[in-house]
Amino acid sequence: MTKIRTTEALLLKSYDVGDADRFCILLTKTDGRVAVIAKGARKAQSKFGGAMQSFQHLLVDLAEHSSGFYVRSAQCMNSFDHIRSDLQRFAAASRGAELLLHCLHDTEQQESIFTLAQEFFLECDRGGIEFLFPTFQLALLKELGLFPSFAGAACSSLFHEYVAARSTLKDRMIMPLPESDRRKLSLLCDELLREHLSLPLKASAALNAVS
């Protein structure tokens, strides 16, 4: 018997397969990272319309078969249109999506990370990308338990406040932080990710090229 589940999802990456289908990797609110097939998504009269595109915030019905998950229906809740119309926003969103793909495992529920990713794409869409990615890195590393404690480290009080803050990405980014501390935090997050991932992010080069 086919099991159907309905959940919110962020479309992190998609590939065209066959004549009309689309293979997608979703970050879902209830089941973590899930790979799915959207059959007929590329047909002119597809029931999905334009929903199955990267960075969309969707409400999806997923059918679980022995061979994997299929998308039965998809309703767009937020299309983040500005990301696809601006090169810098697109590069930043691509970098964040790649980071999520590398850090998360299939069907491992982490609703807090879904909320964080949703907020990240929303800020990319708004255009507030200055220092957004390092702040997103910091928040994600903390959610994954990979960010060390700096309670006794010789860092400025503003650095400690920025790292320890329990706030949204938007609120954290407007906190005062000197340029020297911003560089320090960026380098620290990059190094922690290199140790965890053992590979560079491909989207970093694209972001640097348009910055």
C-alpha atoms as a PDB file:
ATOM      1  CA  MET A   1       0.000   0.000   0.000  1.00  0.00           C
ATOM      2  CA  THR A   2       1.369   3.416  -0.986  1.00  0.00           C
ATOM      3  CA  LYS A   3       2.091   5.721   1.937  1.00  0.00           C
ATOM      4  CA  ILE A   4       1.341   9.417   1.398  1.00  0.00           C
ATOM      5  CA  ARG A   5       2.823  12.157   3.543  1.00  0.00           C
ATOM      6  CA  THR A   6       2.245  15.896   3.336  1.00  0.00           C
ATOM      7  CA  THR A   7       4.996  18.255   4.407  1.00  0.00           C
ATOM      8  CA  GLU A   8       6.582  21.629   3.798  1.00  0.00           C
ATOM      9  CA  ALA A   9       9.789  21.433   1.784  1.00  0.00           C
ATOM     10  CA  LEU A  10      12.571  23.568   0.357  1.00  0.00           C
ATOM     11  CA  LEU A  11      13.851  22.468  -3.053  1.00  0.00           C
ATOM     12  CA  LEU A  12      17.649  22.477  -2.754  1.00  0.00           C
ATOM     13  CA  LYS A  13      18.616  20.994  -6.109  1.00  0.00           C
ATOM     14  CA  SER A  14      16.997  19.502  -9.201  1.00  0.00           C
ATOM     15  CA  TYR A  15      18.102  17.547 -12.277  1.00  0.00           C
ATOM     16  CA  ASP A  16      16.259  16.792 -15.487  1.00  0.00           C
ATOM     17  CA  VAL A  17      15.886  13.068 -16.124  1.00  0.00           C
ATOM     18  CA  GLY A  18      14.347  11.225 -19.041  1.00  0.00           C
ATOM     19  CA  ASP A  19      12.098  13.084 -21.438  1.00  0.00           C
ATOM     20  CA  ALA A  20       9.936  14.978 -18.946  1.00  0.00           C
ATOM     21  CA  ASP A  21      10.760  14.043 -15.349  1.00  0.00           C
ATOM     22  CA  ARG A  22      12.729  15.940 -12.718  1.00  0.00           C
ATOM     23  CA  PHE A  23      14.831  14.474  -9.906  1.00  0.00           C
ATOM     24  CA  CYS A  24      14.820  16.770  -6.870  1.00  0.00           C
ATOM     25  CA  ILE A  25      16.460  16.902  -3.483  1.00  0.00           C
ATOM     26  CA  LEU A  26      14.185  18.410  -0.863  1.00  0.00           C
ATOM     27  CA  LEU A  27      14.797  19.580   2.664  1.00  0.00           C
ATOM     28  CA  THR A  28      11.512  18.740   4.352  1.00  0.00           C
ATOM     29  CA  LYS A  29      10.134  19.965   7.641  1.00  0.00           C
ATOM     30  CA  THR A  30       9.190  16.462   8.838  1.00  0.00           C
ATOM     31  CA  ASP A  31      11.661  14.038   7.223  1.00  0.00           C
ATOM     32  CA  GLY A  32      14.916  15.922   6.709  1.00  0.00           C
ATOM     33  CA  ARG A  33      16.614  15.590   3.340  1.00  0.00           C
ATOM     34  CA  VAL A  34      14.625  13.530   0.825  1.00  0.00           C
ATOM     35  CA  ALA A  35      15.357  12.642  -2.807  1.00  0.00           C
ATOM     36  CA  VAL A  36      12.208  12.538  -4.971  1.00  0.00           C
ATOM     37  CA  ILE A  37      11.050  12.142  -8.562  1.00  0.00           C
ATOM     38  CA  ALA A  38       8.522  14.573 -10.017  1.00  0.00           C
ATOM     39  CA  LYS A  39       7.091  12.686 -12.984  1.00  0.00           C
ATOM     40  CA  GLY A  40       6.153  14.838 -15.963  1.00  0.00           C
ATOM     41  CA  ALA A  41       7.357  18.023 -14.237  1.00  0.00           C
ATOM     42  CA  ARG A  42       8.858  19.372 -17.473  1.00  0.00           C
ATOM     43  CA  LYS A  43       5.763  18.892 -19.628  1.00  0.00           C
ATOM     44  CA  ALA A  44       4.092  22.065 -20.862  1.00  0.00           C
ATOM     45  CA  GLN A  45       0.831  21.179 -19.103  1.00  0.00           C
ATOM     46  CA  SER A  46       2.428  19.676 -16.010  1.00  0.00           C
ATOM     47  CA  LYS A  47       0.279  19.547 -12.884  1.00  0.00           C
ATOM     48  CA  PHE A  48       3.262  20.991 -10.982  1.00  0.00           C
ATOM     49  CA  GLY A  49       3.352  24.195 -13.026  1.00  0.00           C
ATOM     50  CA  GLY A  50       6.603  25.976 -12.186  1.00  0.00           C
ATOM     51  CA  ALA A  51       6.764  24.669  -8.611  1.00  0.00           C
ATOM     52  CA  MET A  52       9.645  22.210  -9.003  1.00  0.00           C
ATOM     53  CA  GLN A  53      12.468  24.742  -9.270  1.00  0.00           C
ATOM     54  CA  SER A  54      15.403  25.299  -6.943  1.00  0.00           C
ATOM     55  CA  PHE A  55      14.869  27.375  -3.772  1.00  0.00           C
ATOM     56  CA  GLN A  56      11.076  27.118  -3.890  1.00  0.00           C
ATOM     57  CA  HIS A  57       9.252  26.764  -0.555  1.00  0.00           C
ATOM     58  CA  LEU A  58       6.635  24.095  -1.223  1.00  0.00           C
ATOM     59  CA  LEU A  59       3.808  22.145   0.328  1.00  0.00           C
ATOM     60  CA  VAL A  60       4.192  18.663  -1.149  1.00  0.00           C
ATOM     61  CA  ASP A  61       2.398  15.334  -1.084  1.00  0.00           C
ATOM     62  CA  LEU A  62       5.023  12.587  -1.238  1.00  0.00           C
ATOM     63  CA  ALA A  63       4.214   8.993  -2.159  1.00  0.00           C
ATOM     64  CA  GLU A  64       6.633   6.447  -0.742  1.00  0.00           C
ATOM     65  CA  HIS A  65       7.217   3.381  -2.910  1.00  0.00           C
ATOM     66  CA  SER A  66       9.736   0.582  -2.616  1.00  0.00           C
ATOM     67  CA  SER A  67      11.867   2.379  -5.204  1.00  0.00           C
ATOM     68  CA  GLY A  68      11.783   5.742  -3.409  1.00  0.00           C
ATOM     69  CA  PHE A  69       9.655   8.888  -3.114  1.00  0.00           C
ATOM     70  CA  TYR A  70       7.491  10.437  -5.835  1.00  0.00           C
ATOM     71  CA  VAL A  71       5.854  13.854  -5.744  1.00  0.00           C
ATOM     72  CA  ARG A  72       2.095  13.493  -6.048  1.00  0.00           C
ATOM     73  CA  SER A  73       1.396  17.225  -5.834  1.00  0.00           C
ATOM     74  CA  ALA A  74       3.279  20.429  -5.073  1.00  0.00           C
ATOM     75  CA  GLN A  75       1.949  23.850  -4.102  1.00  0.00           C
ATOM     76  CA  CYS A  76       4.306  26.829  -4.053  1.00  0.00           C
ATOM     77  CA  MET A  77       4.201  28.700  -0.728  1.00  0.00           C
ATOM     78  CA  ASN A  78       7.046  31.118  -1.538  1.00  0.00           C
ATOM     79  CA  SER A  79       8.882  31.182  -4.869  1.00  0.00           C
ATOM     80  CA  PHE A  80      11.779  33.478  -3.835  1.00  0.00           C
ATOM     81  CA  ASP A  81      11.646  35.019  -7.318  1.00  0.00           C
ATOM     82  CA  HIS A  82      14.339  37.633  -6.630  1.00  0.00           C
ATOM     83  CA  ILE A  83      16.934  34.896  -6.105  1.00  0.00           C
ATOM     84  CA  ARG A  84      16.576  33.710  -9.694  1.00  0.00           C
ATOM     85  CA  SER A  85      16.652  37.234 -11.132  1.00  0.00           C
ATOM     86  CA  ASP A  86      19.820  38.455  -9.411  1.00  0.00           C
ATOM     87  CA  LEU A  87      23.237  36.824  -9.889  1.00  0.00           C
ATOM     88  CA  GLN A  88      24.611  37.665  -6.445  1.00  0.00           C
ATOM     89  CA  ARG A  89      21.509  36.418  -4.644  1.00  0.00           C
ATOM     90  CA  PHE A  90      21.479  33.264  -6.785  1.00  0.00           C
ATOM     91  CA  ALA A  91      25.155  32.566  -6.045  1.00  0.00           C
ATOM     92  CA  ALA A  92      24.630  33.055  -2.300  1.00  0.00           C
ATOM     93  CA  ALA A  93      21.538  30.803  -2.285  1.00  0.00           C
ATOM     94  CA  SER A  94      23.385  28.141  -4.308  1.00  0.00           C
ATOM     95  CA  ARG A  95      26.241  28.186  -1.821  1.00  0.00           C
ATOM     96  CA  GLY A  96      23.840  27.746   1.086  1.00  0.00           C
ATOM     97  CA  ALA A  97      21.966  24.934  -0.658  1.00  0.00           C
ATOM     98  CA  GLU A  98      25.241  23.132  -1.399  1.00  0.00           C
ATOM     99  CA  LEU A  99      26.275  23.440   2.238  1.00  0.00           C
ATOM    100  CA  LEU A 100      22.972  21.920   3.378  1.00  0.00           C
ATOM    101  CA  LEU A 101      23.304  19.071   0.874  1.00  0.00           C
ATOM    102  CA  HIS A 102      26.763  18.211   2.177  1.00  0.00           C
ATOM    103  CA  CYS A 103      25.929  18.519   5.877  1.00  0.00           C
ATOM    104  CA  LEU A 104      22.574  16.735   6.091  1.00  0.00           C
ATOM    105  CA  HIS A 105      21.716  13.059   5.786  1.00  0.00           C
ATOM    106  CA  ASP A 106      18.645  11.517   4.205  1.00  0.00           C
ATOM    107  CA  THR A 107      15.454  11.249   6.299  1.00  0.00           C
ATOM    108  CA  GLU A 108      17.055  12.735   9.415  1.00  0.00           C
ATOM    109  CA  GLN A 109      14.459  15.082  10.861  1.00  0.00           C
ATOM    110  CA  GLN A 110      15.798  18.408  12.108  1.00  0.00           C
ATOM    111  CA  GLU A 111      12.983  20.958  12.037  1.00  0.00           C
ATOM    112  CA  SER A 112      15.225  23.694  13.435  1.00  0.00           C
ATOM    113  CA  ILE A 113      17.526  23.359  10.413  1.00  0.00           C
ATOM    114  CA  PHE A 114      14.542  23.557   8.058  1.00  0.00           C
ATOM    115  CA  THR A 115      13.515  26.816   9.758  1.00  0.00           C
ATOM    116  CA  LEU A 116      17.082  28.125   9.515  1.00  0.00           C
ATOM    117  CA  ALA A 117      17.304  27.238   5.803  1.00  0.00           C
ATOM    118  CA  GLN A 118      13.931  28.850   5.115  1.00  0.00           C
ATOM    119  CA  GLU A 119      15.127  32.033   6.804  1.00  0.00           C
ATOM    120  CA  PHE A 120      18.391  31.951   4.840  1.00  0.00           C
ATOM    121  CA  PHE A 121      16.597  31.789   1.472  1.00  0.00           C
ATOM    122  CA  LEU A 122      14.208  34.523   2.584  1.00  0.00           C
ATOM    123  CA  GLU A 123      17.157  36.818   3.389  1.00  0.00           C
ATOM    124  CA  CYS A 124      18.784  35.953   0.036  1.00  0.00           C
ATOM    125  CA  ASP A 125      15.524  36.882  -1.677  1.00  0.00           C
ATOM    126  CA  ARG A 126      15.345  40.181   0.206  1.00  0.00           C
ATOM    127  CA  GLY A 127      18.862  41.015  -0.907  1.00  0.00           C
ATOM    128  CA  GLY A 128      20.452  41.315   2.536  1.00  0.00           C
ATOM    129  CA  ILE A 129      23.411  39.133   1.624  1.00  0.00           C
ATOM    130  CA  GLU A 130      26.223  41.155   3.195  1.00  0.00           C
ATOM    131  CA  PHE A 131      27.793  38.831   5.782  1.00  0.00           C
ATOM    132  CA  LEU A 132      24.765  36.530   5.401  1.00  0.00           C
ATOM    133  CA  PHE A 133      26.650  33.369   4.472  1.00  0.00           C
ATOM    134  CA  PRO A 134      29.141  33.438   7.407  1.00  0.00           C
ATOM    135  CA  THR A 135      26.200  34.088   9.743  1.00  0.00           C
ATOM    136  CA  PHE A 136      24.317  31.157   8.193  1.00  0.00           C
ATOM    137  CA  GLN A 137      27.433  28.980   8.532  1.00  0.00           C
ATOM    138  CA  LEU A 138      27.689  29.875  12.204  1.00  0.00           C
ATOM    139  CA  ALA A 139      24.024  29.104  12.891  1.00  0.00           C
ATOM    140  CA  LEU A 140      24.150  25.806  10.976  1.00  0.00           C
ATOM    141  CA  LEU A 141      27.358  24.673  12.682  1.00  0.00           C
ATOM    142  CA  LYS A 142      25.774  25.399  16.054  1.00  0.00           C
ATOM    143  CA  GLU A 143      22.628  23.427  15.122  1.00  0.00           C
ATOM    144  CA  LEU A 144      24.816  20.486  14.076  1.00  0.00           C
ATOM    145  CA  GLY A 145      26.865  20.673  17.284  1.00  0.00           C
ATOM    146  CA  LEU A 146      30.068  21.413  15.373  1.00  0.00           C
ATOM    147  CA  PHE A 147      30.811  24.899  16.681  1.00  0.00           C
ATOM    148  CA  PRO A 148      33.203  24.852  19.661  1.00  0.00           C
ATOM    149  CA  SER A 149      32.777  26.860  22.832  1.00  0.00           C
ATOM    150  CA  PHE A 150      34.748  30.111  22.931  1.00  0.00           C
ATOM    151  CA  ALA A 151      33.808  31.056  26.482  1.00  0.00           C
ATOM    152  CA  GLY A 152      37.427  31.519  27.565  1.00  0.00           C
ATOM    153  CA  ALA A 153      38.935  32.560  24.244  1.00  0.00           C
ATOM    154  CA  ALA A 154      40.751  35.879  23.855  1.00  0.00           C
ATOM    155  CA  CYS A 155      38.132  37.427  21.551  1.00  0.00           C
ATOM    156  CA  SER A 156      36.313  40.735  21.774  1.00  0.00           C
ATOM    157  CA  SER A 157      33.092  41.007  23.767  1.00  0.00           C
ATOM    158  CA  LEU A 158      31.230  41.808  20.525  1.00  0.00           C
ATOM    159  CA  PHE A 159      32.558  38.598  18.958  1.00  0.00           C
ATOM    160  CA  HIS A 160      31.330  36.563  21.949  1.00  0.00           C
ATOM    161  CA  GLU A 161      27.933  38.276  21.845  1.00  0.00           C
ATOM    162  CA  TYR A 162      27.566  37.630  18.109  1.00  0.00           C
ATOM    163  CA  VAL A 163      28.444  33.949  18.454  1.00  0.00           C
ATOM    164  CA  ALA A 164      26.316  33.368  21.560  1.00  0.00           C
ATOM    165  CA  ALA A 165      23.205  35.247  20.382  1.00  0.00           C
ATOM    166  CA  ARG A 166      19.981  33.275  20.089  1.00  0.00           C
ATOM    167  CA  SER A 167      18.283  35.236  17.347  1.00  0.00           C
ATOM    168  CA  THR A 168      17.178  35.129  13.744  1.00  0.00           C
ATOM    169  CA  LEU A 169      19.720  35.556  10.958  1.00  0.00           C
ATOM    170  CA  LYS A 170      18.296  38.995  10.213  1.00  0.00           C
ATOM    171  CA  ASP A 171      18.599  40.165  13.825  1.00  0.00           C
ATOM    172  CA  ARG A 172      22.066  38.697  14.267  1.00  0.00           C
ATOM    173  CA  MET A 173      23.375  40.379  11.110  1.00  0.00           C
ATOM    174  CA  ILE A 174      22.487  43.844  12.391  1.00  0.00           C
ATOM    175  CA  MET A 175      24.404  43.285  15.623  1.00  0.00           C
ATOM    176  CA  PRO A 176      27.601  45.395  15.768  1.00  0.00           C
ATOM    177  CA  LEU A 177      30.695  43.407  14.814  1.00  0.00           C
ATOM    178  CA  PRO A 178      34.010  44.995  13.760  1.00  0.00           C
ATOM    179  CA  GLU A 179      35.433  44.061  10.362  1.00  0.00           C
ATOM    180  CA  SER A 180      38.367  42.275  12.029  1.00  0.00           C
ATOM    181  CA  ASP A 181      35.956  40.051  13.966  1.00  0.00           C
ATOM    182  CA  ARG A 182      33.908  39.432  10.811  1.00  0.00           C
ATOM    183  CA  ARG A 183      37.025  38.172   9.047  1.00  0.00           C
ATOM    184  CA  LYS A 184      37.920  36.039  12.058  1.00  0.00           C
ATOM    185  CA  LEU A 185      34.443  34.460  12.155  1.00  0.00           C
ATOM    186  CA  SER A 186      34.429  33.808   8.391  1.00  0.00           C
ATOM    187  CA  LEU A 187      37.828  32.101   8.530  1.00  0.00           C
ATOM    188  CA  LEU A 188      36.824  30.072  11.573  1.00  0.00           C
ATOM    189  CA  CYS A 189      33.588  28.815   9.982  1.00  0.00           C
ATOM    190  CA  ASP A 190      35.389  27.980   6.732  1.00  0.00           C
ATOM    191  CA  GLU A 191      38.018  25.988   8.627  1.00  0.00           C
ATOM    192  CA  LEU A 192      35.437  24.088  10.676  1.00  0.00           C
ATOM    193  CA  LEU A 193      33.556  23.188   7.505  1.00  0.00           C
ATOM    194  CA  ARG A 194      36.733  22.028   5.765  1.00  0.00           C
ATOM    195  CA  GLU A 195      37.429  19.716   8.681  1.00  0.00           C
ATOM    196  CA  HIS A 196      33.862  18.408   8.660  1.00  0.00           C
ATOM    197  CA  LEU A 197      33.300  18.127   4.910  1.00  0.00           C
ATOM    198  CA  SER A 198      36.833  17.406   3.655  1.00  0.00           C
ATOM    199  CA  LEU A 199      36.029  19.216   0.394  1.00  0.00           C
ATOM    200  CA  PRO A 200      35.501  22.821  -0.753  1.00  0.00           C
ATOM    201  CA  LEU A 201      32.118  24.173  -1.752  1.00  0.00           C
ATOM    202  CA  LYS A 202      31.869  24.465  -5.535  1.00  0.00           C
ATOM    203  CA  ALA A 203      29.502  27.430  -5.298  1.00  0.00           C
ATOM    204  CA  SER A 204      32.117  29.488  -3.406  1.00  0.00           C
ATOM    205  CA  ALA A 205      33.956  30.343  -6.619  1.00  0.00           C
ATOM    206  CA  ALA A 206      30.746  31.628  -8.194  1.00  0.00           C
ATOM    207  CA  LEU A 207      29.967  33.790  -5.166  1.00  0.00           C
ATOM    208  CA  ASN A 208      33.485  35.240  -5.128  1.00  0.00           C
ATOM    209  CA  ALA A 209      33.275  36.008  -8.851  1.00  0.00           C
ATOM    210  CA  VAL A 210      30.199  38.208  -8.452  1.00  0.00           C
ATOM    211  CA  SER A 211      31.030  39.785  -5.082  1.00  0.00           C
END
